[in-house]
């Protein structure tokens, strides 16, 4: 152990999967100690402004179709989602579109199970933040 702080032990939950396919449990905004974001689907009053005005989460096409995730939209994947997905593939090695396809193929519960395996630090067992190339608890690099 390198003396780093342990991450919050919050469980993976289906309510933490954003419409775009992001697992909010892995997000830096969710894992931080001060002003932590409660997740994209949580009550708006508890969120940073950038999460409240998210263009993908507030997309009318999703709302009109009654879909929970972008994969339920007939425009899937749209330009906004493709742009976000490209940025996350390039910077963080994670794909929201692949996440959504996995949810469609196997269901959200199986997706959550695979996320637990994929994003748990093999060194200390804490959850790895997708935005950091090291475990926030023990410092082990994962990229």
C-alpha atoms as a PDB file:
ATOM      1  CA  UNK A   1       0.000   0.000   0.000  1.00  0.00           C
ATOM      2  CA  UNK A   2       1.343   3.419  -0.915  1.00  0.00           C
ATOM      3  CA  UNK A   3      -0.587   5.409   1.682  1.00  0.00           C
ATOM      4  CA  UNK A   4      -3.243   6.559  -0.767  1.00  0.00           C
ATOM      5  CA  UNK A   5      -6.792   7.015   0.439  1.00  0.00           C
ATOM      6  CA  UNK A   6      -9.208   4.141  -0.092  1.00  0.00           C
ATOM      7  CA  UNK A   7     -11.945   4.847  -2.598  1.00  0.00           C
ATOM      8  CA  UNK A   8     -15.551   5.039  -1.521  1.00  0.00           C
ATOM      9  CA  UNK A   9     -16.987   1.572  -1.347  1.00  0.00           C
ATOM     10  CA  UNK A  10     -20.119   2.172  -3.372  1.00  0.00           C
ATOM     11  CA  UNK A  11     -21.664  -0.755  -5.170  1.00  0.00           C
ATOM     12  CA  UNK A  12     -22.198  -1.115  -8.882  1.00  0.00           C
ATOM     13  CA  UNK A  13     -25.899  -0.509  -9.527  1.00  0.00           C
ATOM     14  CA  UNK A  14     -28.052  -0.478 -12.626  1.00  0.00           C
ATOM     15  CA  UNK A  15     -29.136   3.065 -11.712  1.00  0.00           C
ATOM     16  CA  UNK A  16     -25.535   4.174 -12.255  1.00  0.00           C
ATOM     17  CA  UNK A  17     -25.586   3.307 -15.965  1.00  0.00           C
ATOM     18  CA  UNK A  18     -26.186   6.560 -17.826  1.00  0.00           C
ATOM     19  CA  UNK A  19     -28.272   6.718 -21.014  1.00  0.00           C
ATOM     20  CA  UNK A  20     -25.027   7.011 -23.030  1.00  0.00           C
ATOM     21  CA  UNK A  21     -23.660   3.760 -21.567  1.00  0.00           C
ATOM     22  CA  UNK A  22     -21.239   5.375 -19.125  1.00  0.00           C
ATOM     23  CA  UNK A  23     -20.946   3.519 -15.841  1.00  0.00           C
ATOM     24  CA  UNK A  24     -21.094   6.461 -13.434  1.00  0.00           C
ATOM     25  CA  UNK A  25     -19.506   4.297 -10.726  1.00  0.00           C
ATOM     26  CA  UNK A  26     -16.231   4.573 -12.663  1.00  0.00           C
ATOM     27  CA  UNK A  27     -16.395   8.331 -13.228  1.00  0.00           C
ATOM     28  CA  UNK A  28     -13.994  10.687 -11.475  1.00  0.00           C
ATOM     29  CA  UNK A  29     -16.900  13.007 -10.591  1.00  0.00           C
ATOM     30  CA  UNK A  30     -18.654  10.146  -8.794  1.00  0.00           C
ATOM     31  CA  UNK A  31     -15.573   8.903  -6.919  1.00  0.00           C
ATOM     32  CA  UNK A  32     -14.282  12.253  -5.642  1.00  0.00           C
ATOM     33  CA  UNK A  33     -14.691  13.217  -1.999  1.00  0.00           C
ATOM     34  CA  UNK A  34     -15.890  16.816  -2.385  1.00  0.00           C
ATOM     35  CA  UNK A  35     -18.973  17.693  -4.431  1.00  0.00           C
ATOM     36  CA  UNK A  36     -19.316  14.149  -5.716  1.00  0.00           C
ATOM     37  CA  UNK A  37     -21.813  13.630  -8.496  1.00  0.00           C
ATOM     38  CA  UNK A  38     -24.505  11.097  -7.535  1.00  0.00           C
ATOM     39  CA  UNK A  39     -24.703   9.758 -11.103  1.00  0.00           C
ATOM     40  CA  UNK A  40     -26.416  10.872 -14.283  1.00  0.00           C
ATOM     41  CA  UNK A  41     -29.814   9.428 -13.377  1.00  0.00           C
ATOM     42  CA  UNK A  42     -29.905  10.822  -9.821  1.00  0.00           C
ATOM     43  CA  UNK A  43     -31.926  13.811  -8.660  1.00  0.00           C
ATOM     44  CA  UNK A  44     -30.914  16.979 -10.519  1.00  0.00           C
ATOM     45  CA  UNK A  45     -30.587  19.042  -7.311  1.00  0.00           C
ATOM     46  CA  UNK A  46     -27.592  16.968  -6.198  1.00  0.00           C
ATOM     47  CA  UNK A  47     -25.599  17.245  -9.426  1.00  0.00           C
ATOM     48  CA  UNK A  48     -22.940  19.517 -10.844  1.00  0.00           C
ATOM     49  CA  UNK A  49     -24.379  21.766 -13.573  1.00  0.00           C
ATOM     50  CA  UNK A  50     -22.474  19.979 -16.347  1.00  0.00           C
ATOM     51  CA  UNK A  51     -24.352  16.751 -15.560  1.00  0.00           C
ATOM     52  CA  UNK A  52     -27.735  18.486 -15.455  1.00  0.00           C
ATOM     53  CA  UNK A  53     -27.392  19.967 -18.953  1.00  0.00           C
ATOM     54  CA  UNK A  54     -25.846  16.892 -20.616  1.00  0.00           C
ATOM     55  CA  UNK A  55     -27.085  16.809 -24.208  1.00  0.00           C
ATOM     56  CA  UNK A  56     -27.196  13.043 -24.366  1.00  0.00           C
ATOM     57  CA  UNK A  57     -29.015  12.540 -21.060  1.00  0.00           C
ATOM     58  CA  UNK A  58     -31.593  15.197 -21.954  1.00  0.00           C
ATOM     59  CA  UNK A  59     -32.026  14.054 -25.565  1.00  0.00           C
ATOM     60  CA  UNK A  60     -35.638  14.363 -26.664  1.00  0.00           C
ATOM     61  CA  UNK A  61     -35.361  11.346 -28.960  1.00  0.00           C
ATOM     62  CA  UNK A  62     -34.700   9.095 -25.975  1.00  0.00           C
ATOM     63  CA  UNK A  63     -37.481  10.674 -23.923  1.00  0.00           C
ATOM     64  CA  UNK A  64     -40.037  10.480 -26.748  1.00  0.00           C
ATOM     65  CA  UNK A  65     -39.291   6.844 -27.375  1.00  0.00           C
ATOM     66  CA  UNK A  66     -39.498   5.969 -23.695  1.00  0.00           C
ATOM     67  CA  UNK A  67     -36.012   4.433 -23.779  1.00  0.00           C
ATOM     68  CA  UNK A  68     -33.702   4.357 -20.787  1.00  0.00           C
ATOM     69  CA  UNK A  69     -30.536   4.101 -22.882  1.00  0.00           C
ATOM     70  CA  UNK A  70     -29.455   5.511 -26.223  1.00  0.00           C
ATOM     71  CA  UNK A  71     -29.552   2.014 -27.695  1.00  0.00           C
ATOM     72  CA  UNK A  72     -33.360   2.272 -27.641  1.00  0.00           C
ATOM     73  CA  UNK A  73     -33.257   5.221 -30.029  1.00  0.00           C
ATOM     74  CA  UNK A  74     -33.723   4.696 -33.752  1.00  0.00           C
ATOM     75  CA  UNK A  75     -30.806   7.103 -34.337  1.00  0.00           C
ATOM     76  CA  UNK A  76     -28.393   4.943 -32.285  1.00  0.00           C
ATOM     77  CA  UNK A  77     -25.561   5.755 -32.398  1.00  0.00           C
ATOM     78  CA  UNK A  78     -26.075   9.443 -33.091  1.00  0.00           C
ATOM     79  CA  UNK A  79     -23.331  11.992 -33.814  1.00  0.00           C
ATOM     80  CA  UNK A  80     -23.177  13.140 -30.177  1.00  0.00           C
ATOM     81  CA  UNK A  81     -22.751   9.599 -28.888  1.00  0.00           C
ATOM     82  CA  UNK A  82     -20.183   8.783 -31.575  1.00  0.00           C
ATOM     83  CA  UNK A  83     -18.186  11.881 -30.601  1.00  0.00           C
ATOM     84  CA  UNK A  84     -18.284  10.987 -26.895  1.00  0.00           C
ATOM     85  CA  UNK A  85     -17.448   7.358 -27.633  1.00  0.00           C
ATOM     86  CA  UNK A  86     -14.469   8.336 -29.789  1.00  0.00           C
ATOM     87  CA  UNK A  87     -13.122  10.590 -27.033  1.00  0.00           C
ATOM     88  CA  UNK A  88     -13.449   7.867 -24.398  1.00  0.00           C
ATOM     89  CA  UNK A  89     -11.952   5.174 -26.642  1.00  0.00           C
ATOM     90  CA  UNK A  90      -8.965   7.419 -27.360  1.00  0.00           C
ATOM     91  CA  UNK A  91      -8.351   8.870 -23.900  1.00  0.00           C
ATOM     92  CA  UNK A  92      -9.577   6.136 -21.562  1.00  0.00           C
ATOM     93  CA  UNK A  93      -9.782   2.861 -23.498  1.00  0.00           C
ATOM     94  CA  UNK A  94     -13.530   2.516 -22.882  1.00  0.00           C
ATOM     95  CA  UNK A  95     -16.447   2.558 -25.298  1.00  0.00           C
ATOM     96  CA  UNK A  96     -19.944   3.679 -24.367  1.00  0.00           C
ATOM     97  CA  UNK A  97     -21.277   2.203 -27.609  1.00  0.00           C
ATOM     98  CA  UNK A  98     -19.732  -1.179 -26.766  1.00  0.00           C
ATOM     99  CA  UNK A  99     -21.236  -0.877 -23.282  1.00  0.00           C
ATOM    100  CA  UNK A 100     -24.679  -0.278 -24.763  1.00  0.00           C
ATOM    101  CA  UNK A 101     -24.298  -3.160 -27.207  1.00  0.00           C
ATOM    102  CA  UNK A 102     -23.340  -5.412 -24.294  1.00  0.00           C
ATOM    103  CA  UNK A 103     -26.436  -4.276 -22.376  1.00  0.00           C
ATOM    104  CA  UNK A 104     -28.594  -4.992 -25.417  1.00  0.00           C
ATOM    105  CA  UNK A 105     -27.074  -8.433 -25.946  1.00  0.00           C
ATOM    106  CA  UNK A 106     -26.833  -9.697 -22.360  1.00  0.00           C
ATOM    107  CA  UNK A 107     -28.921  -7.348 -20.224  1.00  0.00           C
ATOM    108  CA  UNK A 108     -27.892  -4.693 -17.740  1.00  0.00           C
ATOM    109  CA  UNK A 109     -27.322  -7.120 -14.827  1.00  0.00           C
ATOM    110  CA  UNK A 110     -24.775  -9.178 -16.775  1.00  0.00           C
ATOM    111  CA  UNK A 111     -23.177  -5.964 -17.965  1.00  0.00           C
ATOM    112  CA  UNK A 112     -22.827  -4.847 -14.328  1.00  0.00           C
ATOM    113  CA  UNK A 113     -21.222  -8.197 -13.433  1.00  0.00           C
ATOM    114  CA  UNK A 114     -18.688  -7.827 -16.243  1.00  0.00           C
ATOM    115  CA  UNK A 115     -17.978  -4.225 -15.183  1.00  0.00           C
ATOM    116  CA  UNK A 116     -17.160  -5.403 -11.645  1.00  0.00           C
ATOM    117  CA  UNK A 117     -14.582  -7.826 -13.009  1.00  0.00           C
ATOM    118  CA  UNK A 118     -13.131  -5.413 -15.534  1.00  0.00           C
ATOM    119  CA  UNK A 119     -12.818  -2.379 -13.251  1.00  0.00           C
ATOM    120  CA  UNK A 120     -11.709  -3.924  -9.951  1.00  0.00           C
ATOM    121  CA  UNK A 121      -8.048  -3.426  -9.080  1.00  0.00           C
ATOM    122  CA  UNK A 122      -6.329  -6.835  -8.957  1.00  0.00           C
ATOM    123  CA  UNK A 123      -3.912  -5.472  -6.366  1.00  0.00           C
ATOM    124  CA  UNK A 124      -6.252  -4.163  -3.653  1.00  0.00           C
ATOM    125  CA  UNK A 125      -9.793  -5.011  -4.787  1.00  0.00           C
ATOM    126  CA  UNK A 126     -11.012  -1.403  -4.968  1.00  0.00           C
ATOM    127  CA  UNK A 127     -12.842   0.022  -7.973  1.00  0.00           C
ATOM    128  CA  UNK A 128     -10.695   1.700 -10.629  1.00  0.00           C
ATOM    129  CA  UNK A 129     -11.708   5.124 -11.967  1.00  0.00           C
ATOM    130  CA  UNK A 130     -11.896   5.162 -15.772  1.00  0.00           C
ATOM    131  CA  UNK A 131     -10.425   8.685 -15.881  1.00  0.00           C
ATOM    132  CA  UNK A 132      -7.222   7.858 -13.978  1.00  0.00           C
ATOM    133  CA  UNK A 133      -4.519   5.444 -15.171  1.00  0.00           C
ATOM    134  CA  UNK A 134      -3.921   4.259 -11.622  1.00  0.00           C
ATOM    135  CA  UNK A 135      -5.940   2.811  -8.772  1.00  0.00           C
ATOM    136  CA  UNK A 136      -7.045   5.630  -6.457  1.00  0.00           C
ATOM    137  CA  UNK A 137      -6.527   3.333  -3.480  1.00  0.00           C
ATOM    138  CA  UNK A 138      -3.192   1.558  -3.953  1.00  0.00           C
ATOM    139  CA  UNK A 139      -1.605   3.438  -6.879  1.00  0.00           C
ATOM    140  CA  UNK A 140      -1.271   0.418  -9.211  1.00  0.00           C
ATOM    141  CA  UNK A 141      -1.154   1.520 -12.859  1.00  0.00           C
ATOM    142  CA  UNK A 142      -3.663  -0.218 -15.109  1.00  0.00           C
ATOM    143  CA  UNK A 143      -3.089   1.378 -18.561  1.00  0.00           C
END
